[in-house]
């Protein structure tokens, strides 16, 4: 009985030892497996962040148009009053038209303007020679520019300041008597400047 028990334990021990000595050969031979390529680790350079400059375009070609008549043209700007006021002031400065006085609450600029001087300063050689040899058609005069909100846009109009109310010029009465109204030329000059030349950030 004891021998049988001893024999059983011996057989069990032998079986355990033999099982532990069995080595699985599966997956040991990997010579035929395709190995992935070795990748070199390259440190990426630090990205240089450039400050984006604000894009600036010229002119309000889509937001401005002329209305009124040939003798009394009116500029219409598709902007609110405050923005339009600033636009007109920028255009006057860009055109180098002297602002003698202004009242934002009333929407009025008082300026000194000579259409002949503006033409001679912005025209070509032939026009300058013509300007030199022929008498000026206009004289420098005081003009009142009205900026007013109307329904859906801002209107800009001009009127010649009459002699009685003209305190902006130092000229004598005789010089002012022959002044020709150049308000239409003033409106056209402002219109061209606002439409084509005024720097407008987008």
N, C-alpha and C. Protein backbone atom coordinates (compact mmCIF):
# COMPACT_ATOMS: atom_id res chain seq x y z
N UNK A 1 0.84 -1.20 0.00
CA UNK A 1 0.00 0.00 0.00
C UNK A 1 0.86 1.23 0.00
N UNK A 2 1.90 1.22 0.78
CA UNK A 2 2.85 2.32 0.85
C UNK A 2 3.59 2.45 -0.45
N UNK A 3 3.97 1.28 -1.02
CA UNK A 3 4.69 1.31 -2.29
C UNK A 3 3.84 1.93 -3.38
N UNK A 4 2.56 1.61 -3.34
CA UNK A 4 1.67 2.21 -4.36
C UNK A 4 1.60 3.73 -4.23
N UNK A 5 1.51 4.18 -2.99
CA UNK A 5 1.47 5.64 -2.77
C UNK A 5 2.76 6.29 -3.21
N UNK A 6 3.86 5.66 -2.87
CA UNK A 6 5.18 6.21 -3.25
C UNK A 6 5.30 6.22 -4.76
N UNK A 7 4.82 5.17 -5.36
CA UNK A 7 4.90 5.09 -6.82
C UNK A 7 4.06 6.16 -7.50
N UNK A 8 2.90 6.41 -6.95
CA UNK A 8 2.05 7.44 -7.52
C UNK A 8 2.70 8.82 -7.44
N UNK A 9 3.27 9.08 -6.23
CA UNK A 9 3.94 10.38 -6.06
C UNK A 9 5.13 10.52 -6.98
N UNK A 10 5.82 9.44 -7.19
CA UNK A 10 6.99 9.45 -8.07
C UNK A 10 6.57 9.75 -9.50
N UNK A 11 5.50 9.10 -9.92
CA UNK A 11 5.02 9.31 -11.28
C UNK A 11 4.54 10.75 -11.48
N UNK A 12 3.84 11.28 -10.45
CA UNK A 12 3.36 12.66 -10.55
C UNK A 12 4.53 13.64 -10.63
N UNK A 13 5.55 13.39 -9.77
CA UNK A 13 6.72 14.27 -9.76
C UNK A 13 7.44 14.21 -11.09
N UNK A 14 7.57 12.99 -11.63
CA UNK A 14 8.24 12.80 -12.91
C UNK A 14 7.49 13.51 -14.04
N UNK A 15 6.18 13.45 -13.97
CA UNK A 15 5.36 14.10 -15.00
C UNK A 15 5.50 15.62 -14.95
N UNK A 16 5.57 16.16 -13.72
CA UNK A 16 5.71 17.61 -13.56
C UNK A 16 7.05 18.07 -14.08
N UNK A 17 8.10 17.33 -13.77
CA UNK A 17 9.46 17.69 -14.21
C UNK A 17 9.55 17.62 -15.72
N UNK A 18 8.97 16.57 -16.29
CA UNK A 18 9.04 16.40 -17.74
C UNK A 18 8.26 17.50 -18.47
N UNK A 19 7.15 17.91 -17.89
CA UNK A 19 6.35 18.99 -18.50
C UNK A 19 7.09 20.32 -18.44
N UNK A 20 7.81 20.53 -17.32
CA UNK A 20 8.53 21.80 -17.19
C UNK A 20 9.71 21.87 -18.12
N UNK A 21 10.23 20.73 -18.54
CA UNK A 21 11.39 20.72 -19.44
C UNK A 21 10.99 20.89 -20.90
N UNK A 22 9.69 20.76 -21.20
CA UNK A 22 9.22 20.90 -22.58
C UNK A 22 9.20 22.39 -22.93
N UNK A 23 9.92 22.74 -23.91
CA UNK A 23 10.00 24.15 -24.33
C UNK A 23 9.28 24.31 -25.65
N UNK A 24 8.40 25.29 -25.68
CA UNK A 24 7.65 25.54 -26.91
C UNK A 24 8.56 26.24 -27.90
N UNK A 25 8.66 25.65 -29.05
CA UNK A 25 9.51 26.23 -30.11
C UNK A 25 8.73 27.18 -31.00
N UNK A 26 7.43 27.35 -30.74
CA UNK A 26 6.59 28.25 -31.53
C UNK A 26 7.01 29.71 -31.31
N UNK A 27 7.14 30.44 -32.37
CA UNK A 27 7.51 31.85 -32.38
C UNK A 27 8.98 32.10 -32.04
N UNK A 28 9.78 31.03 -31.82
CA UNK A 28 11.19 31.27 -31.52
C UNK A 28 11.97 31.61 -32.78
N UNK A 29 11.61 31.03 -33.89
CA UNK A 29 12.30 31.30 -35.13
C UNK A 29 11.58 32.44 -35.85
N UNK A 30 12.18 33.64 -35.79
CA UNK A 30 11.57 34.81 -36.41
C UNK A 30 12.39 35.31 -37.59
N UNK A 31 13.23 34.44 -38.13
CA UNK A 31 14.11 34.84 -39.23
C UNK A 31 13.32 35.19 -40.49
N UNK A 32 12.14 34.60 -40.65
CA UNK A 32 11.36 34.85 -41.85
C UNK A 32 10.35 35.99 -41.69
N UNK A 33 10.28 36.54 -40.49
CA UNK A 33 9.36 37.66 -40.28
C UNK A 33 9.94 38.95 -40.85
N UNK A 34 9.09 39.79 -41.41
CA UNK A 34 9.54 41.07 -41.97
C UNK A 34 9.67 42.09 -40.85
N UNK A 35 10.87 42.62 -40.72
CA UNK A 35 11.14 43.57 -39.65
C UNK A 35 10.85 45.00 -40.15
N UNK A 36 10.23 45.82 -39.32
CA UNK A 36 9.98 47.22 -39.72
C UNK A 36 11.28 47.99 -39.82
N UNK A 37 11.35 48.96 -40.73
CA UNK A 37 12.60 49.74 -40.86
C UNK A 37 12.83 50.61 -39.64
N UNK A 38 14.06 50.86 -39.38
CA UNK A 38 14.41 51.70 -38.25
C UNK A 38 14.27 53.17 -38.66
N UNK A 39 13.51 53.90 -37.86
CA UNK A 39 13.26 55.31 -38.16
C UNK A 39 14.19 56.18 -37.34
N UNK A 40 14.79 57.13 -38.02
CA UNK A 40 15.64 58.07 -37.30
C UNK A 40 14.77 59.16 -36.67
N UNK A 41 15.02 59.46 -35.46
CA UNK A 41 14.28 60.49 -34.75
C UNK A 41 14.95 61.83 -35.04
N UNK A 42 14.24 62.65 -35.74
CA UNK A 42 14.77 63.96 -36.10
C UNK A 42 14.01 65.02 -35.32
N UNK A 43 14.74 65.84 -34.62
CA UNK A 43 14.10 66.88 -33.83
C UNK A 43 13.60 67.99 -34.75
N UNK A 44 12.32 68.29 -34.64
CA UNK A 44 11.73 69.31 -35.48
C UNK A 44 12.17 70.70 -35.02
N UNK A 45 12.54 71.58 -35.97
CA UNK A 45 12.91 72.94 -35.57
C UNK A 45 11.70 73.69 -35.04
N UNK A 46 11.95 74.61 -34.19
CA UNK A 46 10.87 75.40 -33.63
C UNK A 46 10.24 76.27 -34.71
N UNK A 47 8.93 76.25 -34.75
CA UNK A 47 8.22 77.01 -35.78
C UNK A 47 8.36 78.50 -35.51
N UNK A 48 8.63 79.25 -36.57
CA UNK A 48 8.75 80.70 -36.45
C UNK A 48 7.40 81.31 -36.74
N UNK A 49 6.83 81.93 -35.76
CA UNK A 49 5.51 82.53 -35.90
C UNK A 49 5.68 83.97 -36.32
N UNK A 50 5.22 84.27 -37.50
CA UNK A 50 5.30 85.63 -38.01
C UNK A 50 4.02 86.38 -37.68
N UNK A 51 4.19 87.57 -37.26
CA UNK A 51 3.04 88.40 -36.93
C UNK A 51 2.33 88.78 -38.22
N UNK A 52 1.06 88.46 -38.27
CA UNK A 52 0.29 88.78 -39.47
C UNK A 52 0.02 90.28 -39.51
N UNK A 53 0.37 90.89 -40.64
CA UNK A 53 0.12 92.31 -40.80
C UNK A 53 -1.32 92.53 -41.25
N UNK A 54 -1.87 93.58 -40.74
CA UNK A 54 -3.25 93.90 -41.10
C UNK A 54 -3.32 94.29 -42.57
N UNK A 55 -4.20 93.64 -43.28
CA UNK A 55 -4.34 93.92 -44.70
C UNK A 55 -5.03 95.26 -44.88
N UNK A 56 -4.40 96.07 -45.68
CA UNK A 56 -4.96 97.39 -45.92
C UNK A 56 -5.23 97.55 -47.41
N UNK A 57 -6.41 97.94 -47.75
CA UNK A 57 -6.77 98.19 -49.13
C UNK A 57 -7.09 99.67 -49.30
N UNK A 58 -7.11 100.10 -50.55
CA UNK A 58 -7.36 101.51 -50.82
C UNK A 58 -8.76 101.71 -51.40
N UNK A 59 -9.42 102.70 -50.86
CA UNK A 59 -10.69 103.12 -51.44
C UNK A 59 -11.92 102.39 -50.95
N UNK A 60 -13.04 103.11 -51.01
CA UNK A 60 -14.35 102.55 -50.63
C UNK A 60 -15.22 102.39 -51.88
N UNK A 61 -14.66 101.77 -52.90
CA UNK A 61 -15.32 101.73 -54.21
C UNK A 61 -16.72 101.13 -54.14
N UNK A 62 -16.95 100.18 -53.22
CA UNK A 62 -18.25 99.53 -53.13
C UNK A 62 -19.23 100.23 -52.18
N UNK A 63 -18.74 101.24 -51.46
CA UNK A 63 -19.56 101.88 -50.43
C UNK A 63 -19.78 103.37 -50.68
N UNK A 64 -19.48 103.83 -51.89
CA UNK A 64 -19.62 105.27 -52.16
C UNK A 64 -20.09 105.47 -53.60
N UNK A 65 -20.95 106.47 -53.79
CA UNK A 65 -21.39 106.79 -55.15
C UNK A 65 -21.84 108.25 -55.20
N UNK A 66 -21.90 108.80 -56.42
CA UNK A 66 -22.32 110.17 -56.62
C UNK A 66 -23.81 110.23 -56.95
N UNK A 67 -24.46 111.25 -56.41
CA UNK A 67 -25.87 111.48 -56.71
C UNK A 67 -26.05 112.98 -56.95
N UNK A 68 -27.29 113.43 -57.05
CA UNK A 68 -27.55 114.83 -57.29
C UNK A 68 -27.39 115.19 -58.75
N UNK A 69 -27.07 116.45 -59.01
CA UNK A 69 -26.93 116.94 -60.39
C UNK A 69 -25.47 117.24 -60.69
N UNK A 70 -25.19 117.59 -61.94
CA UNK A 70 -23.83 117.93 -62.34
C UNK A 70 -23.35 119.19 -61.62
N UNK A 71 -24.23 120.14 -61.49
CA UNK A 71 -23.87 121.40 -60.82
C UNK A 71 -23.81 121.24 -59.31
N UNK A 72 -24.68 120.39 -58.76
CA UNK A 72 -24.72 120.18 -57.31
C UNK A 72 -24.63 118.68 -56.98
N UNK A 73 -23.48 118.10 -57.20
CA UNK A 73 -23.34 116.67 -56.90
C UNK A 73 -23.31 116.41 -55.40
N UNK A 74 -23.71 115.23 -55.02
CA UNK A 74 -23.73 114.80 -53.61
C UNK A 74 -23.03 113.45 -53.50
N UNK A 75 -22.21 113.32 -52.49
CA UNK A 75 -21.56 112.03 -52.21
C UNK A 75 -22.46 111.25 -51.26
N UNK A 76 -22.68 109.98 -51.56
CA UNK A 76 -23.41 109.11 -50.65
C UNK A 76 -22.48 107.99 -50.20
N UNK A 77 -22.34 107.86 -48.89
CA UNK A 77 -21.46 106.85 -48.30
C UNK A 77 -22.31 105.85 -47.53
N UNK A 78 -22.13 104.59 -47.81
CA UNK A 78 -22.90 103.54 -47.14
C UNK A 78 -22.28 103.18 -45.80
N UNK A 79 -22.12 104.18 -44.97
CA UNK A 79 -21.59 104.02 -43.62
C UNK A 79 -22.39 104.91 -42.68
N UNK A 80 -22.35 104.57 -41.40
CA UNK A 80 -23.01 105.42 -40.41
C UNK A 80 -22.32 106.77 -40.31
N UNK A 81 -22.98 107.72 -39.66
CA UNK A 81 -22.48 109.10 -39.63
C UNK A 81 -21.06 109.19 -39.06
N UNK A 82 -20.84 108.57 -37.89
CA UNK A 82 -19.53 108.70 -37.24
C UNK A 82 -18.40 108.22 -38.15
N UNK A 83 -18.61 107.07 -38.79
CA UNK A 83 -17.58 106.54 -39.69
C UNK A 83 -17.43 107.44 -40.91
N UNK A 84 -18.53 107.95 -41.44
CA UNK A 84 -18.47 108.81 -42.62
C UNK A 84 -17.78 110.13 -42.30
N UNK A 85 -18.03 110.66 -41.12
CA UNK A 85 -17.37 111.91 -40.70
C UNK A 85 -15.86 111.73 -40.72
N UNK A 86 -15.40 110.64 -40.15
CA UNK A 86 -13.96 110.36 -40.12
C UNK A 86 -13.41 110.16 -41.53
N UNK A 87 -14.18 109.51 -42.38
CA UNK A 87 -13.75 109.27 -43.77
C UNK A 87 -13.57 110.60 -44.50
N UNK A 88 -14.53 111.51 -44.36
CA UNK A 88 -14.43 112.82 -45.02
C UNK A 88 -13.22 113.59 -44.50
N UNK A 89 -13.01 113.56 -43.20
CA UNK A 89 -11.87 114.27 -42.62
C UNK A 89 -10.55 113.69 -43.12
N UNK A 90 -10.46 112.35 -43.21
CA UNK A 90 -9.26 111.71 -43.74
C UNK A 90 -9.03 112.13 -45.19
N UNK A 91 -10.09 112.16 -45.97
CA UNK A 91 -9.96 112.53 -47.39
C UNK A 91 -9.49 113.97 -47.55
N UNK A 92 -10.00 114.88 -46.74
CA UNK A 92 -9.57 116.28 -46.79
C UNK A 92 -8.07 116.40 -46.49
N UNK A 93 -7.63 115.68 -45.48
CA UNK A 93 -6.21 115.73 -45.12
C UNK A 93 -5.35 115.08 -46.19
N UNK A 94 -5.82 113.97 -46.73
CA UNK A 94 -5.06 113.28 -47.78
C UNK A 94 -4.96 114.15 -49.03
N UNK A 95 -6.01 114.91 -49.31
CA UNK A 95 -6.04 115.80 -50.48
C UNK A 95 -5.35 117.12 -50.18
N UNK A 96 -4.95 117.31 -48.93
CA UNK A 96 -4.28 118.53 -48.48
C UNK A 96 -5.17 119.76 -48.67
N UNK A 97 -6.44 119.57 -48.35
CA UNK A 97 -7.39 120.68 -48.35
C UNK A 97 -7.47 121.24 -46.93
N UNK A 98 -7.23 122.52 -46.80
CA UNK A 98 -7.15 123.13 -45.47
C UNK A 98 -8.51 123.16 -44.78
N UNK A 99 -8.56 122.64 -43.57
CA UNK A 99 -9.77 122.69 -42.74
C UNK A 99 -9.65 123.90 -41.81
N UNK A 100 -10.51 124.91 -42.02
CA UNK A 100 -10.46 126.12 -41.19
C UNK A 100 -11.22 125.95 -39.89
N UNK A 101 -12.28 125.17 -39.94
CA UNK A 101 -13.10 124.95 -38.74
C UNK A 101 -13.96 123.72 -38.98
N UNK A 102 -14.47 123.14 -37.90
CA UNK A 102 -15.36 121.99 -38.03
C UNK A 102 -16.23 121.88 -36.79
N UNK A 103 -17.42 121.31 -36.97
CA UNK A 103 -18.34 121.10 -35.88
C UNK A 103 -19.01 119.74 -36.10
N UNK A 104 -18.58 118.76 -35.33
CA UNK A 104 -19.07 117.39 -35.52
C UNK A 104 -20.56 117.28 -35.20
N UNK A 105 -21.01 118.00 -34.16
CA UNK A 105 -22.41 117.92 -33.76
C UNK A 105 -23.33 118.43 -34.87
N UNK A 106 -22.89 119.46 -35.57
CA UNK A 106 -23.68 120.00 -36.67
C UNK A 106 -23.37 119.30 -37.98
N UNK A 107 -22.30 118.51 -38.00
CA UNK A 107 -21.90 117.81 -39.22
C UNK A 107 -21.38 118.75 -40.29
N UNK A 108 -20.51 119.70 -39.88
CA UNK A 108 -20.05 120.72 -40.82
C UNK A 108 -18.53 120.85 -40.77
N UNK A 109 -17.91 120.91 -41.96
CA UNK A 109 -16.51 121.30 -42.12
C UNK A 109 -16.48 122.63 -42.86
N UNK A 110 -15.61 123.54 -42.44
CA UNK A 110 -15.32 124.75 -43.20
C UNK A 110 -13.92 124.59 -43.78
N UNK A 111 -13.80 124.72 -45.10
CA UNK A 111 -12.51 124.49 -45.75
C UNK A 111 -12.21 125.61 -46.72
N UNK A 112 -10.93 125.75 -47.06
CA UNK A 112 -10.48 126.66 -48.11
C UNK A 112 -10.07 125.80 -49.29
N UNK A 113 -10.61 126.13 -50.46
CA UNK A 113 -10.39 125.27 -51.62
C UNK A 113 -10.24 126.08 -52.89
N UNK A 114 -9.23 125.73 -53.67
CA UNK A 114 -9.01 126.33 -54.98
C UNK A 114 -8.93 125.20 -56.00
N UNK A 115 -9.96 125.01 -56.81
CA UNK A 115 -9.95 123.92 -57.79
C UNK A 115 -8.77 123.97 -58.74
N UNK A 116 -8.33 125.18 -59.14
CA UNK A 116 -7.20 125.30 -60.06
C UNK A 116 -5.92 124.79 -59.42
N UNK A 117 -5.71 125.11 -58.14
CA UNK A 117 -4.51 124.65 -57.45
C UNK A 117 -4.52 123.14 -57.31
N UNK A 118 -5.69 122.56 -57.05
CA UNK A 118 -5.81 121.10 -56.95
C UNK A 118 -5.52 120.46 -58.29
N UNK A 119 -6.02 121.05 -59.36
CA UNK A 119 -5.79 120.49 -60.69
C UNK A 119 -4.33 120.54 -61.07
N UNK A 120 -3.69 121.67 -60.81
CA UNK A 120 -2.28 121.82 -61.18
C UNK A 120 -1.39 120.91 -60.38
N UNK A 121 -1.80 120.59 -59.15
CA UNK A 121 -0.97 119.74 -58.31
C UNK A 121 -1.08 118.27 -58.63
N UNK A 122 -2.17 117.86 -59.30
CA UNK A 122 -2.38 116.44 -59.54
C UNK A 122 -2.40 116.07 -61.02
N UNK A 123 -2.18 117.06 -61.92
CA UNK A 123 -2.27 116.79 -63.35
C UNK A 123 -0.90 116.57 -63.96
N UNK A 124 -0.90 116.31 -65.25
CA UNK A 124 0.34 116.04 -65.95
C UNK A 124 1.02 117.29 -66.43
N UNK A 125 2.10 117.11 -67.24
CA UNK A 125 2.92 118.23 -67.69
C UNK A 125 2.12 119.17 -68.59
N UNK A 126 1.36 118.62 -69.53
CA UNK A 126 0.60 119.45 -70.46
C UNK A 126 -0.42 120.32 -69.71
N UNK A 127 -1.11 119.70 -68.73
CA UNK A 127 -2.10 120.45 -67.95
C UNK A 127 -1.44 121.54 -67.13
N UNK A 128 -0.23 121.27 -66.63
CA UNK A 128 0.49 122.27 -65.85
C UNK A 128 0.90 123.45 -66.72
N UNK A 129 1.32 123.19 -67.96
CA UNK A 129 1.67 124.27 -68.88
C UNK A 129 0.45 125.11 -69.22
N UNK A 130 -0.69 124.42 -69.43
CA UNK A 130 -1.94 125.13 -69.71
C UNK A 130 -2.32 126.01 -68.53
N UNK A 131 -2.17 125.46 -67.33
CA UNK A 131 -2.49 126.21 -66.11
C UNK A 131 -1.59 127.44 -65.98
N UNK A 132 -0.30 127.30 -66.42
CA UNK A 132 0.66 128.39 -66.29
C UNK A 132 0.35 129.53 -67.25
N UNK A 133 -0.04 129.22 -68.48
CA UNK A 133 -0.23 130.24 -69.50
C UNK A 133 -1.61 130.88 -69.49
N UNK A 134 -2.59 130.20 -68.92
CA UNK A 134 -3.94 130.75 -68.94
C UNK A 134 -4.37 131.18 -67.53
N UNK A 135 -5.24 132.16 -67.50
CA UNK A 135 -5.71 132.71 -66.22
C UNK A 135 -6.55 131.67 -65.48
N UNK A 136 -6.46 131.70 -64.17
CA UNK A 136 -7.24 130.76 -63.35
C UNK A 136 -8.73 130.98 -63.57
N UNK A 137 -9.45 129.87 -63.62
CA UNK A 137 -10.91 129.98 -63.73
C UNK A 137 -11.53 130.20 -62.37
N UNK A 138 -10.88 129.67 -61.34
CA UNK A 138 -11.42 129.77 -59.98
C UNK A 138 -10.45 130.53 -59.09
N UNK A 139 -10.94 130.92 -57.93
CA UNK A 139 -10.12 131.50 -56.88
C UNK A 139 -10.29 130.66 -55.62
N UNK A 140 -9.35 130.81 -54.73
CA UNK A 140 -9.51 130.14 -53.44
C UNK A 140 -10.70 130.77 -52.72
N UNK A 141 -11.57 129.92 -52.24
CA UNK A 141 -12.76 130.41 -51.55
C UNK A 141 -13.08 129.49 -50.38
N UNK A 142 -13.95 129.97 -49.51
CA UNK A 142 -14.36 129.20 -48.36
C UNK A 142 -15.61 128.38 -48.71
N UNK A 143 -15.58 127.11 -48.30
CA UNK A 143 -16.71 126.22 -48.58
C UNK A 143 -17.17 125.55 -47.29
N UNK A 144 -18.45 125.28 -47.26
CA UNK A 144 -19.05 124.60 -46.12
C UNK A 144 -19.45 123.19 -46.58
N UNK A 145 -18.86 122.19 -45.96
CA UNK A 145 -19.16 120.79 -46.30
C UNK A 145 -20.14 120.24 -45.26
N UNK A 146 -21.28 119.79 -45.72
CA UNK A 146 -22.30 119.22 -44.84
C UNK A 146 -22.19 117.69 -44.87
N UNK A 147 -22.14 117.08 -43.69
CA UNK A 147 -22.14 115.61 -43.56
C UNK A 147 -23.37 115.26 -42.74
N UNK A 148 -24.32 114.55 -43.35
CA UNK A 148 -25.60 114.29 -42.67
C UNK A 148 -26.08 112.87 -42.98
N UNK A 149 -26.66 112.23 -41.97
CA UNK A 149 -27.24 110.89 -42.13
C UNK A 149 -28.63 111.01 -42.74
N UNK A 150 -28.87 110.28 -43.83
CA UNK A 150 -30.16 110.29 -44.51
C UNK A 150 -30.63 108.86 -44.74
N UNK A 151 -31.63 108.45 -44.01
CA UNK A 151 -32.26 107.13 -44.20
C UNK A 151 -31.26 105.98 -44.05
N UNK A 152 -30.59 105.59 -45.15
CA UNK A 152 -29.74 104.40 -45.11
C UNK A 152 -28.28 104.68 -45.42
N UNK A 153 -27.92 105.95 -45.63
CA UNK A 153 -26.52 106.29 -45.90
C UNK A 153 -26.24 107.72 -45.45
N UNK A 154 -24.97 108.10 -45.57
CA UNK A 154 -24.56 109.45 -45.18
C UNK A 154 -24.33 110.28 -46.44
N UNK A 155 -24.91 111.48 -46.47
CA UNK A 155 -24.76 112.36 -47.62
C UNK A 155 -23.75 113.46 -47.31
N UNK A 156 -22.92 113.75 -48.31
CA UNK A 156 -21.93 114.82 -48.18
C UNK A 156 -22.19 115.82 -49.30
N UNK A 157 -22.48 117.06 -48.91
CA UNK A 157 -22.74 118.12 -49.89
C UNK A 157 -21.89 119.34 -49.55
N UNK A 158 -21.81 120.26 -50.53
CA UNK A 158 -20.94 121.43 -50.38
C UNK A 158 -21.69 122.69 -50.81
N UNK A 159 -21.41 123.78 -50.11
CA UNK A 159 -21.93 125.08 -50.55
C UNK A 159 -20.84 126.13 -50.38
N UNK A 160 -20.85 127.09 -51.29
CA UNK A 160 -19.90 128.20 -51.23
C UNK A 160 -20.33 129.16 -50.13
N UNK A 161 -19.38 129.52 -49.27
CA UNK A 161 -19.70 130.49 -48.22
C UNK A 161 -19.77 131.88 -48.85
N UNK A 162 -20.89 132.57 -48.69
CA UNK A 162 -21.05 133.86 -49.35
C UNK A 162 -20.17 134.91 -48.70
N UNK A 163 -20.05 136.02 -49.38
CA UNK A 163 -19.13 137.07 -48.96
C UNK A 163 -19.47 137.62 -47.58
N UNK A 164 -20.73 137.78 -47.29
CA UNK A 164 -21.13 138.39 -46.02
C UNK A 164 -20.75 137.51 -44.83
N UNK A 165 -20.79 136.18 -45.04
CA UNK A 165 -20.49 135.27 -43.94
C UNK A 165 -19.09 134.68 -44.03
N UNK A 166 -18.29 135.22 -44.94
CA UNK A 166 -16.96 134.65 -45.14
C UNK A 166 -15.94 135.33 -44.23
N UNK A 167 -15.71 134.71 -43.08
CA UNK A 167 -14.68 135.19 -42.16
C UNK A 167 -13.45 134.30 -42.21
N UNK A 168 -13.42 133.36 -43.14
CA UNK A 168 -12.32 132.39 -43.18
C UNK A 168 -11.20 132.82 -44.10
N UNK A 169 -11.47 133.79 -44.99
CA UNK A 169 -10.44 134.28 -45.92
C UNK A 169 -9.99 135.68 -45.53
N UNK A 170 -8.70 135.93 -45.75
CA UNK A 170 -8.16 137.25 -45.46
C UNK A 170 -8.18 138.15 -46.69
N UNK A 171 -8.71 137.66 -47.79
CA UNK A 171 -8.72 138.45 -49.03
C UNK A 171 -9.66 139.64 -48.90
N UNK A 172 -9.40 140.63 -49.71
CA UNK A 172 -10.27 141.80 -49.73
C UNK A 172 -11.58 141.49 -50.44
N UNK A 173 -12.51 142.43 -50.32
CA UNK A 173 -13.83 142.22 -50.92
C UNK A 173 -13.75 142.10 -52.43
N UNK A 174 -12.88 142.93 -53.05
CA UNK A 174 -12.78 142.91 -54.51
C UNK A 174 -12.33 141.55 -55.02
N UNK A 175 -11.42 140.90 -54.28
CA UNK A 175 -10.91 139.60 -54.71
C UNK A 175 -12.01 138.55 -54.64
N UNK A 176 -12.90 138.69 -53.69
CA UNK A 176 -13.92 137.66 -53.49
C UNK A 176 -15.13 137.83 -54.40
N UNK A 177 -15.27 139.03 -54.93
CA UNK A 177 -16.46 139.31 -55.74
C UNK A 177 -16.53 138.43 -56.98
N UNK A 178 -15.38 138.13 -57.58
CA UNK A 178 -15.39 137.37 -58.82
C UNK A 178 -15.25 135.87 -58.61
N UNK A 179 -15.37 135.38 -57.40
CA UNK A 179 -15.18 133.95 -57.12
C UNK A 179 -16.26 133.13 -57.80
N UNK A 180 -15.83 132.09 -58.47
CA UNK A 180 -16.76 131.17 -59.12
C UNK A 180 -16.94 129.96 -58.21
N UNK A 181 -18.17 129.51 -58.09
CA UNK A 181 -18.47 128.38 -57.20
C UNK A 181 -17.78 127.11 -57.72
N UNK A 182 -16.83 126.64 -56.95
CA UNK A 182 -16.12 125.40 -57.31
C UNK A 182 -16.53 124.23 -56.43
N UNK A 183 -17.75 124.31 -55.88
CA UNK A 183 -18.23 123.25 -54.98
C UNK A 183 -18.31 121.90 -55.67
N UNK A 184 -18.71 121.88 -56.94
CA UNK A 184 -18.81 120.61 -57.68
C UNK A 184 -17.43 119.97 -57.81
N UNK A 185 -16.40 120.81 -58.05
CA UNK A 185 -15.03 120.30 -58.16
C UNK A 185 -14.54 119.75 -56.82
N UNK A 186 -14.95 120.42 -55.74
CA UNK A 186 -14.58 119.95 -54.40
C UNK A 186 -15.20 118.59 -54.11
N UNK A 187 -16.49 118.44 -54.43
CA UNK A 187 -17.17 117.16 -54.21
C UNK A 187 -16.51 116.05 -55.04
N UNK A 188 -16.20 116.36 -56.31
CA UNK A 188 -15.59 115.36 -57.17
C UNK A 188 -14.19 114.97 -56.69
N UNK A 189 -13.45 115.94 -56.18
CA UNK A 189 -12.12 115.65 -55.65
C UNK A 189 -12.21 114.75 -54.43
N UNK A 190 -13.16 115.05 -53.53
CA UNK A 190 -13.36 114.21 -52.35
C UNK A 190 -13.83 112.82 -52.74
N UNK A 191 -14.75 112.76 -53.69
CA UNK A 191 -15.29 111.47 -54.14
C UNK A 191 -14.19 110.58 -54.69
N UNK A 192 -13.34 111.13 -55.56
CA UNK A 192 -12.25 110.34 -56.15
C UNK A 192 -11.28 109.86 -55.07
N UNK A 193 -10.98 110.74 -54.12
CA UNK A 193 -10.03 110.38 -53.06
C UNK A 193 -10.59 109.27 -52.18
N UNK A 194 -11.86 109.41 -51.79
CA UNK A 194 -12.49 108.39 -50.94
C UNK A 194 -12.65 107.08 -51.70
N UNK A 195 -13.03 107.16 -52.96
CA UNK A 195 -13.28 105.95 -53.74
C UNK A 195 -12.00 105.19 -54.07
N UNK A 196 -10.91 105.92 -54.38
CA UNK A 196 -9.71 105.26 -54.91
C UNK A 196 -8.50 105.26 -54.00
N UNK A 197 -8.32 106.29 -53.18
CA UNK A 197 -7.04 106.48 -52.51
C UNK A 197 -7.05 106.32 -50.99
N UNK A 198 -8.21 106.40 -50.40
CA UNK A 198 -8.26 106.39 -48.93
C UNK A 198 -7.85 105.03 -48.38
N UNK A 199 -6.83 104.97 -47.50
CA UNK A 199 -6.46 103.68 -46.89
C UNK A 199 -7.59 103.17 -46.00
N UNK A 200 -8.03 101.95 -46.29
CA UNK A 200 -9.13 101.36 -45.53
C UNK A 200 -8.69 100.00 -45.00
N UNK A 201 -8.53 99.82 -43.66
CA UNK A 201 -8.18 98.51 -43.11
C UNK A 201 -9.33 97.53 -43.26
N UNK A 202 -9.03 96.13 -43.64
CA UNK A 202 -10.05 95.11 -43.86
C UNK A 202 -9.91 93.98 -42.83
